[in-house]
């Protein structure tokens, strides 16, 4: 979460999904204000976790689409544009998940 916060991501949420599904244990959801910022957040998380933990995610989407997903297995990171975050409302979809951390 600090890697996203370092690139000025907003509305960062960590949801605990362990009791709800087998897809992932946690979702990290954050928002970037522009395509450039989405790319910077994505690169920061990807490079930081590769350097620190030697993790290589499966990446879906691109900054220009407004939604990038980094799948690390147990943790899935969703990086949204403001518009798509509001449209898809993952927090509402996973409303039974326990919010672990919420950073506005």
PDB file of N, CA and C in Angstrom:
ATOM      1  N   UNK A   1       0.825  -1.185   0.000  1.00  0.00           N
ATOM      2  CA  UNK A   1       0.000   0.000   0.000  1.00  0.00           C
ATOM      3  C   UNK A   1       0.868   1.246   0.000  1.00  0.00           C
ATOM      4  N   UNK A   2       2.007   1.159   0.645  1.00  0.00           N
ATOM      5  CA  UNK A   2       2.921   2.301   0.670  1.00  0.00           C
ATOM      6  C   UNK A   2       3.439   2.606  -0.731  1.00  0.00           C
ATOM      7  N   UNK A   3       3.621   1.567  -1.549  1.00  0.00           N
ATOM      8  CA  UNK A   3       4.096   1.786  -2.914  1.00  0.00           C
ATOM      9  C   UNK A   3       3.088   2.577  -3.729  1.00  0.00           C
ATOM     10  N   UNK A   4       1.815   2.334  -3.525  1.00  0.00           N
ATOM     11  CA  UNK A   4       0.767   3.106  -4.209  1.00  0.00           C
ATOM     12  C   UNK A   4       0.685   4.509  -3.625  1.00  0.00           C
ATOM     13  N   UNK A   5       0.773   4.590  -2.323  1.00  0.00           N
ATOM     14  CA  UNK A   5       0.691   5.882  -1.647  1.00  0.00           C
ATOM     15  C   UNK A   5       1.852   6.791  -2.064  1.00  0.00           C
ATOM     16  N   UNK A   6       3.023   6.220  -2.295  1.00  0.00           N
ATOM     17  CA  UNK A   6       4.185   6.989  -2.732  1.00  0.00           C
ATOM     18  C   UNK A   6       3.945   7.684  -4.065  1.00  0.00           C
ATOM     19  N   UNK A   7       3.059   7.136  -4.880  1.00  0.00           N
ATOM     20  CA  UNK A   7       2.736   7.730  -6.183  1.00  0.00           C
ATOM     21  C   UNK A   7       1.410   8.485  -6.149  1.00  0.00           C
ATOM     22  N   UNK A   8       1.003   8.879  -4.956  1.00  0.00           N
ATOM     23  CA  UNK A   8      -0.188   9.709  -4.740  1.00  0.00           C
ATOM     24  C   UNK A   8      -1.506   9.021  -5.117  1.00  0.00           C
ATOM     25  N   UNK A   9      -1.554   7.692  -5.037  1.00  0.00           N
ATOM     26  CA  UNK A   9      -2.824   6.986  -5.238  1.00  0.00           C
ATOM     27  C   UNK A   9      -3.793   7.447  -4.152  1.00  0.00           C
ATOM     28  N   UNK A  10      -5.060   7.479  -4.491  1.00  0.00           N
ATOM     29  CA  UNK A  10      -6.062   7.911  -3.512  1.00  0.00           C
ATOM     30  C   UNK A  10      -7.043   6.781  -3.223  1.00  0.00           C
ATOM     31  N   UNK A  11      -7.790   6.963  -2.150  1.00  0.00           N
ATOM     32  CA  UNK A  11      -8.811   5.993  -1.735  1.00  0.00           C
ATOM     33  C   UNK A  11      -8.277   4.562  -1.760  1.00  0.00           C
ATOM     34  N   UNK A  12      -7.196   4.346  -1.057  1.00  0.00           N
ATOM     35  CA  UNK A  12      -6.563   3.021  -1.012  1.00  0.00           C
ATOM     36  C   UNK A  12      -7.282   2.169   0.028  1.00  0.00           C
ATOM     37  N   UNK A  13      -7.703   0.984  -0.402  1.00  0.00           N
ATOM     38  CA  UNK A  13      -8.454   0.082   0.471  1.00  0.00           C
ATOM     39  C   UNK A  13      -7.832  -1.309   0.379  1.00  0.00           C
ATOM     40  N   UNK A  14      -7.666  -1.948   1.520  1.00  0.00           N
ATOM     41  CA  UNK A  14      -7.235  -3.344   1.590  1.00  0.00           C
ATOM     42  C   UNK A  14      -8.392  -4.144   2.151  1.00  0.00           C
ATOM     43  N   UNK A  15      -8.919  -5.072   1.347  1.00  0.00           N
ATOM     44  CA  UNK A  15     -10.043  -5.907   1.766  1.00  0.00           C
ATOM     45  C   UNK A  15      -9.574  -7.331   2.041  1.00  0.00           C
ATOM     46  N   UNK A  16     -10.000  -7.875   3.156  1.00  0.00           N
ATOM     47  CA  UNK A  16      -9.714  -9.259   3.526  1.00  0.00           C
ATOM     48  C   UNK A  16     -10.838 -10.131   2.975  1.00  0.00           C
ATOM     49  N   UNK A  17     -10.512 -10.971   1.998  1.00  0.00           N
ATOM     50  CA  UNK A  17     -11.511 -11.823   1.332  1.00  0.00           C
ATOM     51  C   UNK A  17     -11.416 -13.285   1.745  1.00  0.00           C
ATOM     52  N   UNK A  18     -10.568 -13.598   2.696  1.00  0.00           N
ATOM     53  CA  UNK A  18     -10.274 -15.004   3.005  1.00  0.00           C
ATOM     54  C   UNK A  18     -11.506 -15.832   3.333  1.00  0.00           C
ATOM     55  N   UNK A  19     -12.465 -15.273   4.014  1.00  0.00           N
ATOM     56  CA  UNK A  19     -13.639 -16.087   4.391  1.00  0.00           C
ATOM     57  C   UNK A  19     -14.719 -16.093   3.305  1.00  0.00           C
ATOM     58  N   UNK A  20     -14.488 -15.359   2.197  1.00  0.00           N
ATOM     59  CA  UNK A  20     -15.525 -15.213   1.179  1.00  0.00           C
ATOM     60  C   UNK A  20     -15.280 -15.984  -0.106  1.00  0.00           C
ATOM     61  N   UNK A  21     -14.028 -16.292  -0.428  1.00  0.00           N
ATOM     62  CA  UNK A  21     -13.764 -16.962  -1.701  1.00  0.00           C
ATOM     63  C   UNK A  21     -12.412 -17.640  -1.677  1.00  0.00           C
ATOM     64  N   UNK A  22     -12.098 -18.317  -2.782  1.00  0.00           N
ATOM     65  CA  UNK A  22     -10.797 -18.957  -2.924  1.00  0.00           C
ATOM     66  C   UNK A  22      -9.969 -18.306  -4.024  1.00  0.00           C
ATOM     67  N   UNK A  23     -10.464 -17.233  -4.612  1.00  0.00           N
ATOM     68  CA  UNK A  23      -9.764 -16.550  -5.700  1.00  0.00           C
ATOM     69  C   UNK A  23      -8.522 -15.832  -5.185  1.00  0.00           C
ATOM     70  N   UNK A  24      -8.665 -15.097  -4.114  1.00  0.00           N
ATOM     71  CA  UNK A  24      -7.558 -14.344  -3.519  1.00  0.00           C
ATOM     72  C   UNK A  24      -7.856 -14.133  -2.045  1.00  0.00           C
ATOM     73  N   UNK A  25      -6.814 -13.909  -1.273  1.00  0.00           N
ATOM     74  CA  UNK A  25      -6.997 -13.619   0.140  1.00  0.00           C
ATOM     75  C   UNK A  25      -7.292 -12.139   0.374  1.00  0.00           C
ATOM     76  N   UNK A  26      -6.664 -11.289  -0.445  1.00  0.00           N
ATOM     77  CA  UNK A  26      -6.818  -9.843  -0.258  1.00  0.00           C
ATOM     78  C   UNK A  26      -6.957  -9.137  -1.600  1.00  0.00           C
ATOM     79  N   UNK A  27      -7.728  -8.068  -1.597  1.00  0.00           N
ATOM     80  CA  UNK A  27      -7.771  -7.120  -2.698  1.00  0.00           C
ATOM     81  C   UNK A  27      -7.223  -5.798  -2.182  1.00  0.00           C
ATOM     82  N   UNK A  28      -6.349  -5.202  -2.951  1.00  0.00           N
ATOM     83  CA  UNK A  28      -5.954  -3.817  -2.734  1.00  0.00           C
ATOM     84  C   UNK A  28      -6.602  -3.042  -3.869  1.00  0.00           C
ATOM     85  N   UNK A  29      -7.311  -1.983  -3.529  1.00  0.00           N
ATOM     86  CA  UNK A  29      -7.992  -1.166  -4.525  1.00  0.00           C
ATOM     87  C   UNK A  29      -7.531   0.271  -4.331  1.00  0.00           C
ATOM     88  N   UNK A  30      -7.127   0.911  -5.430  1.00  0.00           N
ATOM     89  CA  UNK A  30      -6.716   2.302  -5.336  1.00  0.00           C
ATOM     90  C   UNK A  30      -7.067   3.042  -6.615  1.00  0.00           C
ATOM     91  N   UNK A  31      -6.968   4.361  -6.561  1.00  0.00           N
ATOM     92  CA  UNK A  31      -7.369   5.213  -7.668  1.00  0.00           C
ATOM     93  C   UNK A  31      -6.236   6.149  -8.053  1.00  0.00           C
ATOM     94  N   UNK A  32      -6.092   6.342  -9.361  1.00  0.00           N
ATOM     95  CA  UNK A  32      -5.175   7.338  -9.903  1.00  0.00           C
ATOM     96  C   UNK A  32      -5.962   8.361 -10.694  1.00  0.00           C
ATOM     97  N   UNK A  33      -5.490   9.590 -10.675  1.00  0.00           N
ATOM     98  CA  UNK A  33      -6.231  10.688 -11.296  1.00  0.00           C
ATOM     99  C   UNK A  33      -6.019  10.874 -12.783  1.00  0.00           C
ATOM    100  N   UNK A  34      -5.046  10.165 -13.358  1.00  0.00           N
ATOM    101  CA  UNK A  34      -4.770  10.306 -14.788  1.00  0.00           C
ATOM    102  C   UNK A  34      -4.125   9.025 -15.303  1.00  0.00           C
ATOM    103  N   UNK A  35      -4.065   8.905 -16.615  1.00  0.00           N
ATOM    104  CA  UNK A  35      -3.414   7.746 -17.226  1.00  0.00           C
ATOM    105  C   UNK A  35      -1.946   7.670 -16.791  1.00  0.00           C
ATOM    106  N   UNK A  36      -1.302   8.811 -16.764  1.00  0.00           N
ATOM    107  CA  UNK A  36       0.099   8.870 -16.347  1.00  0.00           C
ATOM    108  C   UNK A  36       0.272   8.391 -14.898  1.00  0.00           C
ATOM    109  N   UNK A  37      -0.644   8.801 -14.035  1.00  0.00           N
ATOM    110  CA  UNK A  37      -0.555   8.388 -12.638  1.00  0.00           C
ATOM    111  C   UNK A  37      -0.850   6.903 -12.489  1.00  0.00           C
ATOM    112  N   UNK A  38      -1.821   6.381 -13.236  1.00  0.00           N
ATOM    113  CA  UNK A  38      -2.103   4.940 -13.197  1.00  0.00           C
ATOM    114  C   UNK A  38      -0.857   4.149 -13.569  1.00  0.00           C
ATOM    115  N   UNK A  39      -0.166   4.604 -14.600  1.00  0.00           N
ATOM    116  CA  UNK A  39       1.063   3.931 -15.031  1.00  0.00           C
ATOM    117  C   UNK A  39       2.134   4.007 -13.946  1.00  0.00           C
ATOM    118  N   UNK A  40       2.284   5.166 -13.323  1.00  0.00           N
ATOM    119  CA  UNK A  40       3.285   5.332 -12.265  1.00  0.00           C
ATOM    120  C   UNK A  40       2.974   4.445 -11.064  1.00  0.00           C
ATOM    121  N   UNK A  41       1.716   4.361 -10.672  1.00  0.00           N
ATOM    122  CA  UNK A  41       1.312   3.501  -9.547  1.00  0.00           C
ATOM    123  C   UNK A  41       1.602   2.043  -9.880  1.00  0.00           C
ATOM    124  N   UNK A  42       1.213   1.631 -11.085  1.00  0.00           N
ATOM    125  CA  UNK A  42       1.438   0.250 -11.531  1.00  0.00           C
ATOM    126  C   UNK A  42       2.923  -0.094 -11.490  1.00  0.00           C
ATOM    127  N   UNK A  43       3.747   0.771 -12.055  1.00  0.00           N
ATOM    128  CA  UNK A  43       5.188   0.525 -12.092  1.00  0.00           C
ATOM    129  C   UNK A  43       5.791   0.502 -10.689  1.00  0.00           C
ATOM    130  N   UNK A  44       5.344   1.389  -9.833  1.00  0.00           N
ATOM    131  CA  UNK A  44       5.857   1.440  -8.466  1.00  0.00           C
ATOM    132  C   UNK A  44       5.579   0.142  -7.718  1.00  0.00           C
ATOM    133  N   UNK A  45       4.349  -0.339  -7.815  1.00  0.00           N
ATOM    134  CA  UNK A  45       3.979  -1.582  -7.130  1.00  0.00           C
ATOM    135  C   UNK A  45       4.726  -2.764  -7.729  1.00  0.00           C
ATOM    136  N   UNK A  46       4.707  -2.868  -9.058  1.00  0.00           N
ATOM    137  CA  UNK A  46       5.349  -3.987  -9.743  1.00  0.00           C
ATOM    138  C   UNK A  46       6.845  -4.028  -9.447  1.00  0.00           C
ATOM    139  N   UNK A  47       7.533  -2.914  -9.606  1.00  0.00           N
ATOM    140  CA  UNK A  47       8.977  -2.873  -9.376  1.00  0.00           C
ATOM    141  C   UNK A  47       9.327  -3.049  -7.901  1.00  0.00           C
ATOM    142  N   UNK A  48       8.546  -2.448  -7.025  1.00  0.00           N
ATOM    143  CA  UNK A  48       8.818  -2.563  -5.591  1.00  0.00           C
ATOM    144  C   UNK A  48       8.678  -3.980  -5.073  1.00  0.00           C
ATOM    145  N   UNK A  49       7.619  -4.671  -5.491  1.00  0.00           N
ATOM    146  CA  UNK A  49       7.416  -6.052  -5.029  1.00  0.00           C
ATOM    147  C   UNK A  49       8.389  -7.018  -5.695  1.00  0.00           C
ATOM    148  N   UNK A  50       8.796  -6.723  -6.928  1.00  0.00           N
ATOM    149  CA  UNK A  50       9.804  -7.557  -7.589  1.00  0.00           C
ATOM    150  C   UNK A  50      11.137  -7.418  -6.870  1.00  0.00           C
ATOM    151  N   UNK A  51      11.496  -6.200  -6.525  1.00  0.00           N
ATOM    152  CA  UNK A  51      12.767  -5.930  -5.854  1.00  0.00           C
ATOM    153  C   UNK A  51      12.780  -6.523  -4.431  1.00  0.00           C
ATOM    154  N   UNK A  52      11.697  -6.288  -3.690  1.00  0.00           N
ATOM    155  CA  UNK A  52      11.651  -6.687  -2.279  1.00  0.00           C
ATOM    156  C   UNK A  52      11.383  -8.183  -2.072  1.00  0.00           C
ATOM    157  N   UNK A  53      10.481  -8.746  -2.896  1.00  0.00           N
ATOM    158  CA  UNK A  53      10.043 -10.122  -2.656  1.00  0.00           C
ATOM    159  C   UNK A  53      10.230 -11.057  -3.856  1.00  0.00           C
ATOM    160  N   UNK A  54      10.814 -10.537  -4.937  1.00  0.00           N
ATOM    161  CA  UNK A  54      11.006 -11.309  -6.164  1.00  0.00           C
ATOM    162  C   UNK A  54       9.676 -11.851  -6.711  1.00  0.00           C
ATOM    163  N   UNK A  55       8.634 -11.027  -6.635  1.00  0.00           N
ATOM    164  CA  UNK A  55       7.310 -11.409  -7.121  1.00  0.00           C
ATOM    165  C   UNK A  55       7.077 -10.852  -8.518  1.00  0.00           C
ATOM    166  N   UNK A  56       6.517 -11.678  -9.374  1.00  0.00           N
ATOM    167  CA  UNK A  56       6.162 -11.272 -10.733  1.00  0.00           C
ATOM    168  C   UNK A  56       4.663 -11.506 -10.924  1.00  0.00           C
ATOM    169  N   UNK A  57       3.889 -10.448 -11.081  1.00  0.00           N
ATOM    170  CA  UNK A  57       2.441 -10.616 -11.186  1.00  0.00           C
ATOM    171  C   UNK A  57       1.997 -10.976 -12.598  1.00  0.00           C
ATOM    172  N   UNK A  58       0.803 -11.503 -12.678  1.00  0.00           N
ATOM    173  CA  UNK A  58       0.100 -11.564 -13.949  1.00  0.00           C
ATOM    174  C   UNK A  58      -0.582 -10.206 -14.066  1.00  0.00           C
ATOM    175  N   UNK A  59      -0.371  -9.513 -15.165  1.00  0.00           N
ATOM    176  CA  UNK A  59      -0.910  -8.165 -15.327  1.00  0.00           C
ATOM    177  C   UNK A  59      -2.005  -8.190 -16.382  1.00  0.00           C
ATOM    178  N   UNK A  60      -3.141  -7.587 -16.036  1.00  0.00           N
ATOM    179  CA  UNK A  60      -4.265  -7.447 -16.960  1.00  0.00           C
ATOM    180  C   UNK A  60      -4.589  -5.968 -17.071  1.00  0.00           C
ATOM    181  N   UNK A  61      -4.929  -5.517 -18.260  1.00  0.00           N
ATOM    182  CA  UNK A  61      -5.299  -4.127 -18.478  1.00  0.00           C
ATOM    183  C   UNK A  61      -4.069  -3.244 -18.596  1.00  0.00           C
ATOM    184  N   UNK A  62      -4.315  -2.004 -18.985  1.00  0.00           N
ATOM    185  CA  UNK A  62      -3.250  -1.010 -19.121  1.00  0.00           C
ATOM    186  C   UNK A  62      -3.771   0.322 -18.608  1.00  0.00           C
ATOM    187  N   UNK A  63      -2.852   1.220 -18.354  1.00  0.00           N
ATOM    188  CA  UNK A  63      -3.235   2.526 -17.817  1.00  0.00           C
ATOM    189  C   UNK A  63      -4.222   3.250 -18.731  1.00  0.00           C
ATOM    190  N   UNK A  64      -4.080   3.088 -20.038  1.00  0.00           N
ATOM    191  CA  UNK A  64      -4.975   3.801 -20.946  1.00  0.00           C
ATOM    192  C   UNK A  64      -6.408   3.268 -20.945  1.00  0.00           C
ATOM    193  N   UNK A  65      -6.621   2.075 -20.384  1.00  0.00           N
ATOM    194  CA  UNK A  65      -7.988   1.551 -20.280  1.00  0.00           C
ATOM    195  C   UNK A  65      -8.676   2.007 -18.998  1.00  0.00           C
ATOM    196  N   UNK A  66      -7.881   2.511 -18.040  1.00  0.00           N
ATOM    197  CA  UNK A  66      -8.454   2.980 -16.779  1.00  0.00           C
ATOM    198  C   UNK A  66      -8.529   1.940 -15.679  1.00  0.00           C
ATOM    199  N   UNK A  67      -8.056   0.726 -15.951  1.00  0.00           N
ATOM    200  CA  UNK A  67      -8.068  -0.326 -14.921  1.00  0.00           C
ATOM    201  C   UNK A  67      -6.899  -1.270 -15.164  1.00  0.00           C
ATOM    202  N   UNK A  68      -6.022  -1.370 -14.191  1.00  0.00           N
ATOM    203  CA  UNK A  68      -4.907  -2.300 -14.258  1.00  0.00           C
ATOM    204  C   UNK A  68      -5.043  -3.251 -13.075  1.00  0.00           C
ATOM    205  N   UNK A  69      -4.890  -4.531 -13.352  1.00  0.00           N
ATOM    206  CA  UNK A  69      -4.972  -5.552 -12.315  1.00  0.00           C
ATOM    207  C   UNK A  69      -3.625  -6.244 -12.225  1.00  0.00           C
ATOM    208  N   UNK A  70      -3.073  -6.291 -11.034  1.00  0.00           N
ATOM    209  CA  UNK A  70      -1.825  -7.009 -10.769  1.00  0.00           C
ATOM    210  C   UNK A  70      -2.176  -8.203  -9.885  1.00  0.00           C
ATOM    211  N   UNK A  71      -2.024  -9.399 -10.418  1.00  0.00           N
ATOM    212  CA  UNK A  71      -2.412 -10.615  -9.702  1.00  0.00           C
ATOM    213  C   UNK A  71      -1.163 -11.298  -9.156  1.00  0.00           C
ATOM    214  N   UNK A  72      -1.033 -11.251  -7.832  1.00  0.00           N
ATOM    215  CA  UNK A  72       0.095 -11.885  -7.146  1.00  0.00           C
ATOM    216  C   UNK A  72      -0.326 -13.202  -6.492  1.00  0.00           C
ATOM    217  N   UNK A  73      -1.448 -13.749  -6.900  1.00  0.00           N
ATOM    218  CA  UNK A  73      -1.937 -14.996  -6.306  1.00  0.00           C
ATOM    219  C   UNK A  73      -2.831 -14.710  -5.123  1.00  0.00           C
ATOM    220  N   UNK A  74      -2.260 -14.636  -3.944  1.00  0.00           N
ATOM    221  CA  UNK A  74      -3.040 -14.374  -2.735  1.00  0.00           C
ATOM    222  C   UNK A  74      -3.503 -12.923  -2.625  1.00  0.00           C
ATOM    223  N   UNK A  75      -2.811 -12.034  -3.318  1.00  0.00           N
ATOM    224  CA  UNK A  75      -3.147 -10.611  -3.284  1.00  0.00           C
ATOM    225  C   UNK A  75      -3.358 -10.127  -4.708  1.00  0.00           C
ATOM    226  N   UNK A  76      -4.484  -9.471  -4.937  1.00  0.00           N
ATOM    227  CA  UNK A  76      -4.791  -8.890  -6.236  1.00  0.00           C
ATOM    228  C   UNK A  76      -4.927  -7.384  -6.048  1.00  0.00           C
ATOM    229  N   UNK A  77      -4.186  -6.633  -6.863  1.00  0.00           N
ATOM    230  CA  UNK A  77      -4.195  -5.180  -6.780  1.00  0.00           C
ATOM    231  C   UNK A  77      -4.985  -4.627  -7.965  1.00  0.00           C
ATOM    232  N   UNK A  78      -5.978  -3.795  -7.671  1.00  0.00           N
ATOM    233  CA  UNK A  78      -6.784  -3.125  -8.689  1.00  0.00           C
ATOM    234  C   UNK A  78      -6.418  -1.649  -8.669  1.00  0.00           C
ATOM    235  N   UNK A  79      -5.968  -1.133  -9.802  1.00  0.00           N
ATOM    236  CA  UNK A  79      -5.611   0.276  -9.920  1.00  0.00           C
ATOM    237  C   UNK A  79      -6.581   0.886 -10.933  1.00  0.00           C
ATOM    238  N   UNK A  80      -7.438   1.776 -10.445  1.00  0.00           N
ATOM    239  CA  UNK A  80      -8.526   2.318 -11.252  1.00  0.00           C
ATOM    240  C   UNK A  80      -8.359   3.796 -11.562  1.00  0.00           C
ATOM    241  N   UNK A  81      -8.947   4.216 -12.688  1.00  0.00           N
ATOM    242  CA  UNK A  81      -9.208   5.631 -12.910  1.00  0.00           C
ATOM    243  C   UNK A  81     -10.403   5.989 -12.035  1.00  0.00           C
ATOM    244  N   UNK A  82     -10.616   7.264 -11.807  1.00  0.00           N
ATOM    245  CA  UNK A  82     -11.750   7.710 -10.985  1.00  0.00           C
ATOM    246  C   UNK A  82     -13.060   7.208 -11.590  1.00  0.00           C
ATOM    247  N   UNK A  83     -13.203   7.362 -12.898  1.00  0.00           N
ATOM    248  CA  UNK A  83     -14.450   6.977 -13.579  1.00  0.00           C
ATOM    249  C   UNK A  83     -14.742   5.487 -13.448  1.00  0.00           C
ATOM    250  N   UNK A  84     -13.749   4.644 -13.699  1.00  0.00           N
ATOM    251  CA  UNK A  84     -14.006   3.198 -13.640  1.00  0.00           C
ATOM    252  C   UNK A  84     -14.155   2.698 -12.215  1.00  0.00           C
ATOM    253  N   UNK A  85     -13.476   3.327 -11.285  1.00  0.00           N
ATOM    254  CA  UNK A  85     -13.663   2.924  -9.877  1.00  0.00           C
ATOM    255  C   UNK A  85     -15.102   3.164  -9.465  1.00  0.00           C
ATOM    256  N   UNK A  86     -15.635   4.298  -9.884  1.00  0.00           N
ATOM    257  CA  UNK A  86     -17.021   4.625  -9.566  1.00  0.00           C
ATOM    258  C   UNK A  86     -17.993   3.701 -10.303  1.00  0.00           C
ATOM    259  N   UNK A  87     -17.658   3.327 -11.511  1.00  0.00           N
ATOM    260  CA  UNK A  87     -18.538   2.457 -12.295  1.00  0.00           C
ATOM    261  C   UNK A  87     -18.596   1.044 -11.728  1.00  0.00           C
ATOM    262  N   UNK A  88     -17.441   0.462 -11.417  1.00  0.00           N
ATOM    263  CA  UNK A  88     -17.409  -0.943 -11.000  1.00  0.00           C
ATOM    264  C   UNK A  88     -17.618  -1.165  -9.510  1.00  0.00           C
ATOM    265  N   UNK A  89     -17.316  -0.187  -8.701  1.00  0.00           N
ATOM    266  CA  UNK A  89     -17.595  -0.228  -7.260  1.00  0.00           C
ATOM    267  C   UNK A  89     -17.281  -1.581  -6.613  1.00  0.00           C
ATOM    268  N   UNK A  90     -16.038  -2.000  -6.700  1.00  0.00           N
ATOM    269  CA  UNK A  90     -15.651  -3.297  -6.138  1.00  0.00           C
ATOM    270  C   UNK A  90     -15.909  -3.403  -4.645  1.00  0.00           C
ATOM    271  N   UNK A  91     -15.744  -2.286  -3.934  1.00  0.00           N
ATOM    272  CA  UNK A  91     -16.011  -2.344  -2.493  1.00  0.00           C
ATOM    273  C   UNK A  91     -17.463  -2.719  -2.221  1.00  0.00           C
ATOM    274  N   UNK A  92     -18.359  -2.252  -3.049  1.00  0.00           N
ATOM    275  CA  UNK A  92     -19.772  -2.598  -2.864  1.00  0.00           C
ATOM    276  C   UNK A  92     -20.019  -4.050  -3.265  1.00  0.00           C
ATOM    277  N   UNK A  93     -19.393  -4.468  -4.347  1.00  0.00           N
ATOM    278  CA  UNK A  93     -19.532  -5.851  -4.803  1.00  0.00           C
ATOM    279  C   UNK A  93     -19.032  -6.826  -3.735  1.00  0.00           C
ATOM    280  N   UNK A  94     -17.939  -6.457  -3.064  1.00  0.00           N
ATOM    281  CA  UNK A  94     -17.353  -7.277  -2.009  1.00  0.00           C
ATOM    282  C   UNK A  94     -17.672  -6.677  -0.642  1.00  0.00           C
ATOM    283  N   UNK A  95     -18.877  -6.212  -0.462  1.00  0.00           N
ATOM    284  CA  UNK A  95     -19.257  -5.510   0.774  1.00  0.00           C
ATOM    285  C   UNK A  95     -19.162  -6.383   2.023  1.00  0.00           C
ATOM    286  N   UNK A  96     -19.162  -7.686   1.866  1.00  0.00           N
ATOM    287  CA  UNK A  96     -19.044  -8.568   3.034  1.00  0.00           C
ATOM    288  C   UNK A  96     -17.585  -8.795   3.435  1.00  0.00           C
ATOM    289  N   UNK A  97     -16.665  -8.278   2.631  1.00  0.00           N
ATOM    290  CA  UNK A  97     -15.245  -8.394   2.968  1.00  0.00           C
ATOM    291  C   UNK A  97     -14.916  -7.438   4.113  1.00  0.00           C
ATOM    292  N   UNK A  98     -13.933  -7.817   4.890  1.00  0.00           N
ATOM    293  CA  UNK A  98     -13.504  -6.981   6.008  1.00  0.00           C
ATOM    294  C   UNK A  98     -12.474  -5.970   5.529  1.00  0.00           C
ATOM    295  N   UNK A  99     -12.767  -4.668   5.655  1.00  0.00           N
ATOM    296  CA  UNK A  99     -11.747  -3.672   5.315  1.00  0.00           C
ATOM    297  C   UNK A  99     -10.646  -3.700   6.371  1.00  0.00           C
ATOM    298  N   UNK A 100      -9.406  -3.929   5.946  1.00  0.00           N
ATOM    299  CA  UNK A 100      -8.284  -3.999   6.862  1.00  0.00           C
ATOM    300  C   UNK A 100      -7.665  -2.615   7.021  1.00  0.00           C
ATOM    301  N   UNK A 101      -7.501  -1.938   5.906  1.00  0.00           N
ATOM    302  CA  UNK A 101      -6.923  -0.598   5.892  1.00  0.00           C
ATOM    303  C   UNK A 101      -7.679   0.247   4.884  1.00  0.00           C
ATOM    304  N   UNK A 102      -7.972   1.482   5.250  1.00  0.00           N
ATOM    305  CA  UNK A 102      -8.595   2.432   4.340  1.00  0.00           C
ATOM    306  C   UNK A 102      -7.834   3.745   4.466  1.00  0.00           C
ATOM    307  N   UNK A 103      -7.242   4.181   3.354  1.00  0.00           N
ATOM    308  CA  UNK A 103      -6.500   5.448   3.324  1.00  0.00           C
ATOM    309  C   UNK A 103      -7.167   6.362   2.310  1.00  0.00           C
ATOM    310  N   UNK A 104      -7.648   7.478   2.771  1.00  0.00           N
ATOM    311  CA  UNK A 104      -8.298   8.427   1.859  1.00  0.00           C
ATOM    312  C   UNK A 104      -7.239   9.311   1.278  1.00  0.00           C
TER     313      UNK A 104
END
